[in-house]
Amino acid sequence: MFTNSTFLEPFFWIIMGFLYTIFAISAVYWAKDLKLKMNWWKWSISAVWFIFLSVTIAGGFTLIGENELRAGLYFLGVFGTVMIVSGVGLIQLIRSK
C-alpha cells in the first residue's frame, strides 16, 4: 500500500484501529439509544458479522487493487449479497425479544 514508507503504513493502521474502536464504543450507545435488549450472544454475533463484512470489503478491494477487477467485483457481489442478507437477519434477531 505505502511502499517503503516507515511512517505512512503504521500510521494508516493506527487510524484504522482508532476507527474500529470508535465504532465499537458507538455501537454500545446506539443499542442503548434504540432500547435494544442486547446480551452477550447478540453482541458476539454482531461482532462476527462486522468482522466478515470488513473481510469482504478488504478482500474485494484488494483484488481490484491487484488488477483483478472481475474477481474483485464477483467477490464483492457474492459475499456482499450474503452479508446484506445476513445483516437483515441479524437486525431481525436483535429486535426480537
PDB file of N, CA and C in Angstrom:
ATOM      1  N   MET A   1       0.835  -1.180   0.000  1.00  0.00           N
ATOM      2  CA  MET A   1       0.000   0.000   0.000  1.00  0.00           C
ATOM      3  C   MET A   1       0.883   1.249   0.000  1.00  0.00           C
ATOM      4  N   PHE A   2       1.664   1.430   1.044  1.00  0.00           N
ATOM      5  CA  PHE A   2       2.603   2.542   1.089  1.00  0.00           C
ATOM      6  C   PHE A   2       4.001   1.948   0.975  1.00  0.00           C
ATOM      7  N   THR A   3       4.497   1.842  -0.236  1.00  0.00           N
ATOM      8  CA  THR A   3       5.748   1.164  -0.489  1.00  0.00           C
ATOM      9  C   THR A   3       6.920   1.904   0.157  1.00  0.00           C
ATOM     10  N   ASN A   4       7.718   1.169   0.899  1.00  0.00           N
ATOM     11  CA  ASN A   4       8.935   1.679   1.537  1.00  0.00           C
ATOM     12  C   ASN A   4       8.684   2.894   2.414  1.00  0.00           C
ATOM     13  N   SER A   5       7.566   2.938   3.095  1.00  0.00           N
ATOM     14  CA  SER A   5       7.271   4.050   3.986  1.00  0.00           C
ATOM     15  C   SER A   5       7.359   3.576   5.430  1.00  0.00           C
ATOM     16  N   THR A   6       8.201   4.244   6.197  1.00  0.00           N
ATOM     17  CA  THR A   6       8.329   3.873   7.605  1.00  0.00           C
ATOM     18  C   THR A   6       7.314   4.600   8.476  1.00  0.00           C
ATOM     19  N   PHE A   7       6.614   5.579   7.922  1.00  0.00           N
ATOM     20  CA  PHE A   7       5.638   6.340   8.698  1.00  0.00           C
ATOM     21  C   PHE A   7       4.198   6.083   8.270  1.00  0.00           C
ATOM     22  N   LEU A   8       3.938   6.100   6.964  1.00  0.00           N
ATOM     23  CA  LEU A   8       2.556   6.054   6.493  1.00  0.00           C
ATOM     24  C   LEU A   8       1.856   4.731   6.765  1.00  0.00           C
ATOM     25  N   GLU A   9       2.546   3.622   6.596  1.00  0.00           N
ATOM     26  CA  GLU A   9       1.883   2.335   6.806  1.00  0.00           C
ATOM     27  C   GLU A   9       1.491   2.120   8.270  1.00  0.00           C
ATOM     28  N   PRO A  10       2.382   2.319   9.242  1.00  0.00           N
ATOM     29  CA  PRO A  10       1.940   2.194  10.640  1.00  0.00           C
ATOM     30  C   PRO A  10       0.876   3.236  11.012  1.00  0.00           C
ATOM     31  N   PHE A  11       1.006   4.427  10.476  1.00  0.00           N
ATOM     32  CA  PHE A  11       0.031   5.480  10.754  1.00  0.00           C
ATOM     33  C   PHE A  11      -1.342   5.091  10.222  1.00  0.00           C
ATOM     34  N   PHE A  12      -1.397   4.485   9.047  1.00  0.00           N
ATOM     35  CA  PHE A  12      -2.662   4.020   8.485  1.00  0.00           C
ATOM     36  C   PHE A  12      -3.321   3.012   9.409  1.00  0.00           C
ATOM     37  N   TRP A  13      -2.559   2.040   9.922  1.00  0.00           N
ATOM     38  CA  TRP A  13      -3.141   1.012  10.779  1.00  0.00           C
ATOM     39  C   TRP A  13      -3.524   1.561  12.139  1.00  0.00           C
ATOM     40  N   ILE A  14      -2.824   2.566  12.614  1.00  0.00           N
ATOM     41  CA  ILE A  14      -3.229   3.225  13.853  1.00  0.00           C
ATOM     42  C   ILE A  14      -4.569   3.909  13.658  1.00  0.00           C
ATOM     43  N   ILE A  15      -4.746   4.601  12.548  1.00  0.00           N
ATOM     44  CA  ILE A  15      -6.024   5.261  12.249  1.00  0.00           C
ATOM     45  C   ILE A  15      -7.138   4.229  12.100  1.00  0.00           C
ATOM     46  N   MET A  16      -6.861   3.112  11.419  1.00  0.00           N
ATOM     47  CA  MET A  16      -7.874   2.067  11.265  1.00  0.00           C
ATOM     48  C   MET A  16      -8.279   1.486  12.623  1.00  0.00           C
ATOM     49  N   GLY A  17      -7.326   1.238  13.487  1.00  0.00           N
ATOM     50  CA  GLY A  17      -7.639   0.744  14.831  1.00  0.00           C
ATOM     51  C   GLY A  17      -8.465   1.738  15.618  1.00  0.00           C
ATOM     52  N   PHE A  18      -8.139   3.017  15.482  1.00  0.00           N
ATOM     53  CA  PHE A  18      -8.897   4.065  16.150  1.00  0.00           C
ATOM     54  C   PHE A  18     -10.346   4.089  15.646  1.00  0.00           C
ATOM     55  N   LEU A  19     -10.534   3.962  14.336  1.00  0.00           N
ATOM     56  CA  LEU A  19     -11.884   3.969  13.774  1.00  0.00           C
ATOM     57  C   LEU A  19     -12.690   2.748  14.224  1.00  0.00           C
ATOM     58  N   TYR A  20     -12.075   1.582  14.278  1.00  0.00           N
ATOM     59  CA  TYR A  20     -12.762   0.389  14.759  1.00  0.00           C
ATOM     60  C   TYR A  20     -13.150   0.540  16.232  1.00  0.00           C
ATOM     61  N   THR A  21     -12.283   1.146  17.026  1.00  0.00           N
ATOM     62  CA  THR A  21     -12.587   1.371  18.438  1.00  0.00           C
ATOM     63  C   THR A  21     -13.753   2.336  18.599  1.00  0.00           C
ATOM     64  N   ILE A  22     -13.743   3.419  17.839  1.00  0.00           N
ATOM     65  CA  ILE A  22     -14.852   4.377  17.880  1.00  0.00           C
ATOM     66  C   ILE A  22     -16.153   3.694  17.466  1.00  0.00           C
ATOM     67  N   PHE A  23     -16.095   2.839  16.456  1.00  0.00           N
ATOM     68  CA  PHE A  23     -17.284   2.116  16.015  1.00  0.00           C
ATOM     69  C   PHE A  23     -17.814   1.215  17.121  1.00  0.00           C
ATOM     70  N   ALA A  24     -16.938   0.486  17.791  1.00  0.00           N
ATOM     71  CA  ALA A  24     -17.372  -0.432  18.851  1.00  0.00           C
ATOM     72  C   ALA A  24     -17.994   0.331  20.018  1.00  0.00           C
ATOM     73  N   ILE A  25     -17.385   1.422  20.419  1.00  0.00           N
ATOM     74  CA  ILE A  25     -17.938   2.219  21.516  1.00  0.00           C
ATOM     75  C   ILE A  25     -19.272   2.827  21.105  1.00  0.00           C
ATOM     76  N   SER A  26     -19.353   3.302  19.888  1.00  0.00           N
ATOM     77  CA  SER A  26     -20.603   3.889  19.401  1.00  0.00           C
ATOM     78  C   SER A  26     -21.720   2.862  19.306  1.00  0.00           C
ATOM     79  N   ALA A  27     -21.399   1.616  18.995  1.00  0.00           N
ATOM     80  CA  ALA A  27     -22.420   0.571  18.892  1.00  0.00           C
ATOM     81  C   ALA A  27     -23.113   0.356  20.231  1.00  0.00           C
ATOM     82  N   VAL A  28     -22.376   0.467  21.319  1.00  0.00           N
ATOM     83  CA  VAL A  28     -22.971   0.308  22.647  1.00  0.00           C
ATOM     84  C   VAL A  28     -23.989   1.417  22.889  1.00  0.00           C
ATOM     85  N   TYR A  29     -23.617   2.663  22.602  1.00  0.00           N
ATOM     86  CA  TYR A  29     -24.537   3.779  22.799  1.00  0.00           C
ATOM     87  C   TYR A  29     -25.714   3.726  21.829  1.00  0.00           C
ATOM     88  N   TRP A  30     -25.467   3.251  20.619  1.00  0.00           N
ATOM     89  CA  TRP A  30     -26.535   3.103  19.631  1.00  0.00           C
ATOM     90  C   TRP A  30     -27.572   2.096  20.115  1.00  0.00           C
ATOM     91  N   ALA A  31     -27.115   0.966  20.656  1.00  0.00           N
ATOM     92  CA  ALA A  31     -28.033  -0.056  21.157  1.00  0.00           C
ATOM     93  C   ALA A  31     -28.835   0.457  22.348  1.00  0.00           C
ATOM     94  N   LYS A  32     -28.183   1.209  23.233  1.00  0.00           N
ATOM     95  CA  LYS A  32     -28.901   1.781  24.382  1.00  0.00           C
ATOM     96  C   LYS A  32     -29.919   2.817  23.920  1.00  0.00           C
ATOM     97  N   ASP A  33     -29.547   3.624  22.950  1.00  0.00           N
ATOM     98  CA  ASP A  33     -30.445   4.666  22.452  1.00  0.00           C
ATOM     99  C   ASP A  33     -31.690   4.073  21.792  1.00  0.00           C
ATOM    100  N   LEU A  34     -31.534   2.959  21.085  1.00  0.00           N
ATOM    101  CA  LEU A  34     -32.672   2.296  20.446  1.00  0.00           C
ATOM    102  C   LEU A  34     -33.403   1.345  21.395  1.00  0.00           C
ATOM    103  N   LYS A  35     -32.931   1.274  22.641  1.00  0.00           N
ATOM    104  CA  LYS A  35     -33.523   0.412  23.663  1.00  0.00           C
ATOM    105  C   LYS A  35     -33.567  -1.060  23.217  1.00  0.00           C
ATOM    106  N   LEU A  36     -32.470  -1.507  22.625  1.00  0.00           N
ATOM    107  CA  LEU A  36     -32.356  -2.901  22.213  1.00  0.00           C
ATOM    108  C   LEU A  36     -31.908  -3.741  23.397  1.00  0.00           C
ATOM    109  N   LYS A  37     -32.483  -4.922  23.519  1.00  0.00           N
ATOM    110  CA  LYS A  37     -32.099  -5.856  24.581  1.00  0.00           C
ATOM    111  C   LYS A  37     -30.927  -6.685  24.063  1.00  0.00           C
ATOM    112  N   MET A  38     -29.730  -6.229  24.361  1.00  0.00           N
ATOM    113  CA  MET A  38     -28.536  -6.921  23.885  1.00  0.00           C
ATOM    114  C   MET A  38     -27.941  -7.742  25.020  1.00  0.00           C
ATOM    115  N   ASN A  39     -27.651  -9.014  24.730  1.00  0.00           N
ATOM    116  CA  ASN A  39     -26.928  -9.848  25.678  1.00  0.00           C
ATOM    117  C   ASN A  39     -25.628 -10.300  25.009  1.00  0.00           C
ATOM    118  N   TRP A  40     -24.894 -11.167  25.694  1.00  0.00           N
ATOM    119  CA  TRP A  40     -23.546 -11.480  25.212  1.00  0.00           C
ATOM    120  C   TRP A  40     -23.568 -12.165  23.854  1.00  0.00           C
ATOM    121  N   TRP A  41     -24.531 -13.048  23.588  1.00  0.00           N
ATOM    122  CA  TRP A  41     -24.512 -13.760  22.311  1.00  0.00           C
ATOM    123  C   TRP A  41     -24.960 -12.888  21.160  1.00  0.00           C
ATOM    124  N   LYS A  42     -25.814 -11.890  21.411  1.00  0.00           N
ATOM    125  CA  LYS A  42     -26.173 -10.953  20.341  1.00  0.00           C
ATOM    126  C   LYS A  42     -24.987 -10.064  19.991  1.00  0.00           C
ATOM    127  N   TRP A  43     -24.237  -9.645  21.014  1.00  0.00           N
ATOM    128  CA  TRP A  43     -23.029  -8.855  20.749  1.00  0.00           C
ATOM    129  C   TRP A  43     -21.996  -9.700  19.992  1.00  0.00           C
ATOM    130  N   SER A  44     -21.885 -10.976  20.350  1.00  0.00           N
ATOM    131  CA  SER A  44     -20.911 -11.858  19.679  1.00  0.00           C
ATOM    132  C   SER A  44     -21.265 -12.057  18.211  1.00  0.00           C
ATOM    133  N   ILE A  45     -22.544 -12.314  17.933  1.00  0.00           N
ATOM    134  CA  ILE A  45     -22.964 -12.494  16.546  1.00  0.00           C
ATOM    135  C   ILE A  45     -22.756 -11.205  15.754  1.00  0.00           C
ATOM    136  N   SER A  46     -23.061 -10.060  16.378  1.00  0.00           N
ATOM    137  CA  SER A  46     -22.859  -8.772  15.707  1.00  0.00           C
ATOM    138  C   SER A  46     -21.389  -8.522  15.404  1.00  0.00           C
ATOM    139  N   ALA A  47     -20.513  -8.874  16.335  1.00  0.00           N
ATOM    140  CA  ALA A  47     -19.073  -8.690  16.123  1.00  0.00           C
ATOM    141  C   ALA A  47     -18.562  -9.585  14.997  1.00  0.00           C
ATOM    142  N   VAL A  48     -19.007 -10.834  14.983  1.00  0.00           N
ATOM    143  CA  VAL A  48     -18.592 -11.756  13.922  1.00  0.00           C
ATOM    144  C   VAL A  48     -19.095 -11.253  12.569  1.00  0.00           C
ATOM    145  N   TRP A  49     -20.337 -10.765  12.522  1.00  0.00           N
ATOM    146  CA  TRP A  49     -20.878 -10.222  11.273  1.00  0.00           C
ATOM    147  C   TRP A  49     -20.042  -9.027  10.801  1.00  0.00           C
ATOM    148  N   PHE A  50     -19.678  -8.147  11.715  1.00  0.00           N
ATOM    149  CA  PHE A  50     -18.882  -6.971  11.345  1.00  0.00           C
ATOM    150  C   PHE A  50     -17.495  -7.376  10.851  1.00  0.00           C
ATOM    151  N   ILE A  51     -16.900  -8.379  11.465  1.00  0.00           N
ATOM    152  CA  ILE A  51     -15.594  -8.858  11.013  1.00  0.00           C
ATOM    153  C   ILE A  51     -15.702  -9.433   9.597  1.00  0.00           C
ATOM    154  N   PHE A  52     -16.744 -10.243   9.346  1.00  0.00           N
ATOM    155  CA  PHE A  52     -16.933 -10.789   7.999  1.00  0.00           C
ATOM    156  C   PHE A  52     -17.197  -9.684   6.973  1.00  0.00           C
ATOM    157  N   LEU A  53     -17.944  -8.658   7.372  1.00  0.00           N
ATOM    158  CA  LEU A  53     -18.179  -7.524   6.475  1.00  0.00           C
ATOM    159  C   LEU A  53     -16.864  -6.823   6.145  1.00  0.00           C
ATOM    160  N   SER A  54     -16.028  -6.621   7.151  1.00  0.00           N
ATOM    161  CA  SER A  54     -14.723  -5.979   6.926  1.00  0.00           C
ATOM    162  C   SER A  54     -13.838  -6.809   6.006  1.00  0.00           C
ATOM    163  N   VAL A  55     -13.832  -8.122   6.198  1.00  0.00           N
ATOM    164  CA  VAL A  55     -13.031  -9.005   5.343  1.00  0.00           C
ATOM    165  C   VAL A  55     -13.568  -8.997   3.913  1.00  0.00           C
ATOM    166  N   THR A  56     -14.895  -8.951   3.766  1.00  0.00           N
ATOM    167  CA  THR A  56     -15.495  -8.902   2.434  1.00  0.00           C
ATOM    168  C   THR A  56     -15.068  -7.646   1.692  1.00  0.00           C
ATOM    169  N   ILE A  57     -15.139  -6.507   2.354  1.00  0.00           N
ATOM    170  CA  ILE A  57     -14.759  -5.243   1.714  1.00  0.00           C
ATOM    171  C   ILE A  57     -13.258  -5.220   1.426  1.00  0.00           C
ATOM    172  N   ALA A  58     -12.455  -5.628   2.408  1.00  0.00           N
ATOM    173  CA  ALA A  58     -11.000  -5.624   2.213  1.00  0.00           C
ATOM    174  C   ALA A  58     -10.575  -6.596   1.116  1.00  0.00           C
ATOM    175  N   GLY A  59     -11.165  -7.784   1.102  1.00  0.00           N
ATOM    176  CA  GLY A  59     -10.807  -8.772   0.082  1.00  0.00           C
ATOM    177  C   GLY A  59     -11.179  -8.335  -1.316  1.00  0.00           C
ATOM    178  N   GLY A  60     -12.380  -7.792  -1.458  1.00  0.00           N
ATOM    179  CA  GLY A  60     -12.821  -7.335  -2.775  1.00  0.00           C
ATOM    180  C   GLY A  60     -11.963  -6.212  -3.315  1.00  0.00           C
ATOM    181  N   PHE A  61     -11.689  -5.223  -2.473  1.00  0.00           N
ATOM    182  CA  PHE A  61     -10.897  -4.097  -2.954  1.00  0.00           C
ATOM    183  C   PHE A  61      -9.418  -4.434  -3.090  1.00  0.00           C
ATOM    184  N   THR A  62      -8.940  -5.426  -2.355  1.00  0.00           N
ATOM    185  CA  THR A  62      -7.569  -5.900  -2.572  1.00  0.00           C
ATOM    186  C   THR A  62      -7.446  -6.535  -3.943  1.00  0.00           C
ATOM    187  N   LEU A  63      -8.440  -7.357  -4.307  1.00  0.00           N
ATOM    188  CA  LEU A  63      -8.421  -7.953  -5.645  1.00  0.00           C
ATOM    189  C   LEU A  63      -8.481  -6.880  -6.724  1.00  0.00           C
ATOM    190  N   ILE A  64      -9.316  -5.879  -6.525  1.00  0.00           N
ATOM    191  CA  ILE A  64      -9.394  -4.790  -7.511  1.00  0.00           C
ATOM    192  C   ILE A  64      -8.062  -4.056  -7.592  1.00  0.00           C
ATOM    193  N   GLY A  65      -7.427  -3.817  -6.446  1.00  0.00           N
ATOM    194  CA  GLY A  65      -6.127  -3.144  -6.421  1.00  0.00           C
ATOM    195  C   GLY A  65      -5.021  -3.949  -7.059  1.00  0.00           C
ATOM    196  N   GLU A  66      -5.162  -5.263  -7.107  1.00  0.00           N
ATOM    197  CA  GLU A  66      -4.183  -6.138  -7.742  1.00  0.00           C
ATOM    198  C   GLU A  66      -4.505  -6.362  -9.218  1.00  0.00           C
ATOM    199  N   ASN A  67      -5.297  -5.500  -9.796  1.00  0.00           N
ATOM    200  CA  ASN A  67      -5.706  -5.553 -11.201  1.00  0.00           C
ATOM    201  C   ASN A  67      -6.503  -6.808 -11.544  1.00  0.00           C
ATOM    202  N   GLU A  68      -7.230  -7.316 -10.579  1.00  0.00           N
ATOM    203  CA  GLU A  68      -8.149  -8.439 -10.795  1.00  0.00           C
ATOM    204  C   GLU A  68      -9.568  -7.900 -10.642  1.00  0.00           C
ATOM    205  N   LEU A  69      -9.941  -7.011 -11.558  1.00  0.00           N
ATOM    206  CA  LEU A  69     -11.215  -6.303 -11.449  1.00  0.00           C
ATOM    207  C   LEU A  69     -12.397  -7.254 -11.440  1.00  0.00           C
ATOM    208  N   ARG A  70     -12.402  -8.194 -12.354  1.00  0.00           N
ATOM    209  CA  ARG A  70     -13.535  -9.114 -12.450  1.00  0.00           C
ATOM    210  C   ARG A  70     -13.669  -9.966 -11.177  1.00  0.00           C
ATOM    211  N   ALA A  71     -12.558 -10.491 -10.688  1.00  0.00           N
ATOM    212  CA  ALA A  71     -12.595 -11.296  -9.465  1.00  0.00           C
ATOM    213  C   ALA A  71     -13.030 -10.454  -8.274  1.00  0.00           C
ATOM    214  N   GLY A  72     -12.548  -9.218  -8.204  1.00  0.00           N
ATOM    215  CA  GLY A  72     -12.927  -8.339  -7.102  1.00  0.00           C
ATOM    216  C   GLY A  72     -14.403  -8.000  -7.108  1.00  0.00           C
ATOM    217  N   LEU A  73     -14.939  -7.740  -8.284  1.00  0.00           N
ATOM    218  CA  LEU A  73     -16.359  -7.421  -8.375  1.00  0.00           C
ATOM    219  C   LEU A  73     -17.218  -8.641  -8.066  1.00  0.00           C
ATOM    220  N   TYR A  74     -16.807  -9.816  -8.534  1.00  0.00           N
ATOM    221  CA  TYR A  74     -17.523 -11.049  -8.174  1.00  0.00           C
ATOM    222  C   TYR A  74     -17.475 -11.279  -6.661  1.00  0.00           C
ATOM    223  N   PHE A  75     -16.309 -11.085  -6.100  1.00  0.00           N
ATOM    224  CA  PHE A  75     -16.128 -11.267  -4.654  1.00  0.00           C
ATOM    225  C   PHE A  75     -17.048 -10.335  -3.883  1.00  0.00           C
ATOM    226  N   LEU A  76     -17.030  -9.052  -4.252  1.00  0.00           N
ATOM    227  CA  LEU A  76     -17.906  -8.085  -3.581  1.00  0.00           C
ATOM    228  C   LEU A  76     -19.371  -8.404  -3.829  1.00  0.00           C
ATOM    229  N   GLY A  77     -19.706  -8.819  -5.027  1.00  0.00           N
ATOM    230  CA  GLY A  77     -21.095  -9.109  -5.350  1.00  0.00           C
ATOM    231  C   GLY A  77     -21.633 -10.310  -4.600  1.00  0.00           C
ATOM    232  N   VAL A  78     -20.883 -11.400  -4.612  1.00  0.00           N
ATOM    233  CA  VAL A  78     -21.362 -12.626  -3.973  1.00  0.00           C
ATOM    234  C   VAL A  78     -21.362 -12.485  -2.453  1.00  0.00           C
ATOM    235  N   PHE A  79     -20.201 -12.152  -1.900  1.00  0.00           N
ATOM    236  CA  PHE A  79     -20.120 -12.073  -0.444  1.00  0.00           C
ATOM    237  C   PHE A  79     -20.816 -10.823   0.096  1.00  0.00           C
ATOM    238  N   GLY A  80     -20.866  -9.767  -0.686  1.00  0.00           N
ATOM    239  CA  GLY A  80     -21.616  -8.585  -0.273  1.00  0.00           C
ATOM    240  C   GLY A  80     -23.100  -8.886  -0.169  1.00  0.00           C
ATOM    241  N   THR A  81     -23.617  -9.648  -1.119  1.00  0.00           N
ATOM    242  CA  THR A  81     -25.026 -10.049  -1.063  1.00  0.00           C
ATOM    243  C   THR A  81     -25.285 -10.928   0.157  1.00  0.00           C
ATOM    244  N   VAL A  82     -24.387 -11.860   0.419  1.00  0.00           N
ATOM    245  CA  VAL A  82     -24.529 -12.719   1.597  1.00  0.00           C
ATOM    246  C   VAL A  82     -24.514 -11.875   2.868  1.00  0.00           C
ATOM    247  N   MET A  83     -23.644 -10.878   2.921  1.00  0.00           N
ATOM    248  CA  MET A  83     -23.555 -10.038   4.110  1.00  0.00           C
ATOM    249  C   MET A  83     -24.792  -9.167   4.276  1.00  0.00           C
ATOM    250  N   ILE A  84     -25.355  -8.683   3.194  1.00  0.00           N
ATOM    251  CA  ILE A  84     -26.580  -7.880   3.290  1.00  0.00           C
ATOM    252  C   ILE A  84     -27.733  -8.727   3.793  1.00  0.00           C
ATOM    253  N   VAL A  85     -27.893  -9.913   3.224  1.00  0.00           N
ATOM    254  CA  VAL A  85     -28.979 -10.804   3.649  1.00  0.00           C
ATOM    255  C   VAL A  85     -28.792 -11.221   5.107  1.00  0.00           C
ATOM    256  N   SER A  86     -27.573 -11.590   5.475  1.00  0.00           N
ATOM    257  CA  SER A  86     -27.340 -11.979   6.871  1.00  0.00           C
ATOM    258  C   SER A  86     -27.467 -10.784   7.814  1.00  0.00           C
ATOM    259  N   GLY A  87     -27.160  -9.579   7.334  1.00  0.00           N
ATOM    260  CA  GLY A  87     -27.344  -8.378   8.150  1.00  0.00           C
ATOM    261  C   GLY A  87     -28.807  -8.097   8.429  1.00  0.00           C
ATOM    262  N   VAL A  88     -29.656  -8.309   7.429  1.00  0.00           N
ATOM    263  CA  VAL A  88     -31.096  -8.140   7.642  1.00  0.00           C
ATOM    264  C   VAL A  88     -31.588  -9.167   8.655  1.00  0.00           C
ATOM    265  N   GLY A  89     -31.131 -10.400   8.537  1.00  0.00           N
ATOM    266  CA  GLY A  89     -31.491 -11.429   9.509  1.00  0.00           C
ATOM    267  C   GLY A  89     -30.997 -11.084  10.906  1.00  0.00           C
ATOM    268  N   LEU A  90     -29.789 -10.521  10.985  1.00  0.00           N
ATOM    269  CA  LEU A  90     -29.233 -10.120  12.273  1.00  0.00           C
ATOM    270  C   LEU A  90     -30.063  -9.014  12.905  1.00  0.00           C
ATOM    271  N   ILE A  91     -30.498  -8.065  12.113  1.00  0.00           N
ATOM    272  CA  ILE A  91     -31.338  -6.987  12.637  1.00  0.00           C
ATOM    273  C   ILE A  91     -32.643  -7.548  13.188  1.00  0.00           C
ATOM    274  N   GLN A  92     -33.243  -8.484  12.456  1.00  0.00           N
ATOM    275  CA  GLN A  92     -34.480  -9.103  12.933  1.00  0.00           C
ATOM    276  C   GLN A  92     -34.237  -9.870  14.235  1.00  0.00           C
ATOM    277  N   LEU A  93     -33.127 -10.553  14.333  1.00  0.00           N
ATOM    278  CA  LEU A  93     -32.783 -11.304  15.538  1.00  0.00           C
ATOM    279  C   LEU A  93     -32.581 -10.356  16.727  1.00  0.00           C
ATOM    280  N   ILE A  94     -31.883  -9.257  16.486  1.00  0.00           N
ATOM    281  CA  ILE A  94     -31.613  -8.307  17.577  1.00  0.00           C
ATOM    282  C   ILE A  94     -32.899  -7.630  18.046  1.00  0.00           C
ATOM    283  N   ARG A  95     -33.779  -7.323  17.136  1.00  0.00           N
ATOM    284  CA  ARG A  95     -35.027  -6.653  17.518  1.00  0.00           C
ATOM    285  C   ARG A  95     -36.035  -7.586  18.167  1.00  0.00           C
ATOM    286  N   SER A  96     -35.854  -8.902  18.007  1.00  0.00           N
ATOM    287  CA  SER A  96     -36.791  -9.828  18.632  1.00  0.00           C
ATOM    288  C   SER A  96     -36.567  -9.831  20.140  1.00  0.00           C
ATOM    289  N   LYS A  97     -37.596 -10.182  20.851  1.00  0.00           N
ATOM    290  CA  LYS A  97     -37.486 -10.134  22.321  1.00  0.00           C
ATOM    291  C   LYS A  97     -37.055 -11.420  22.891  1.00  0.00           C
TER     292      LYS A  97
END
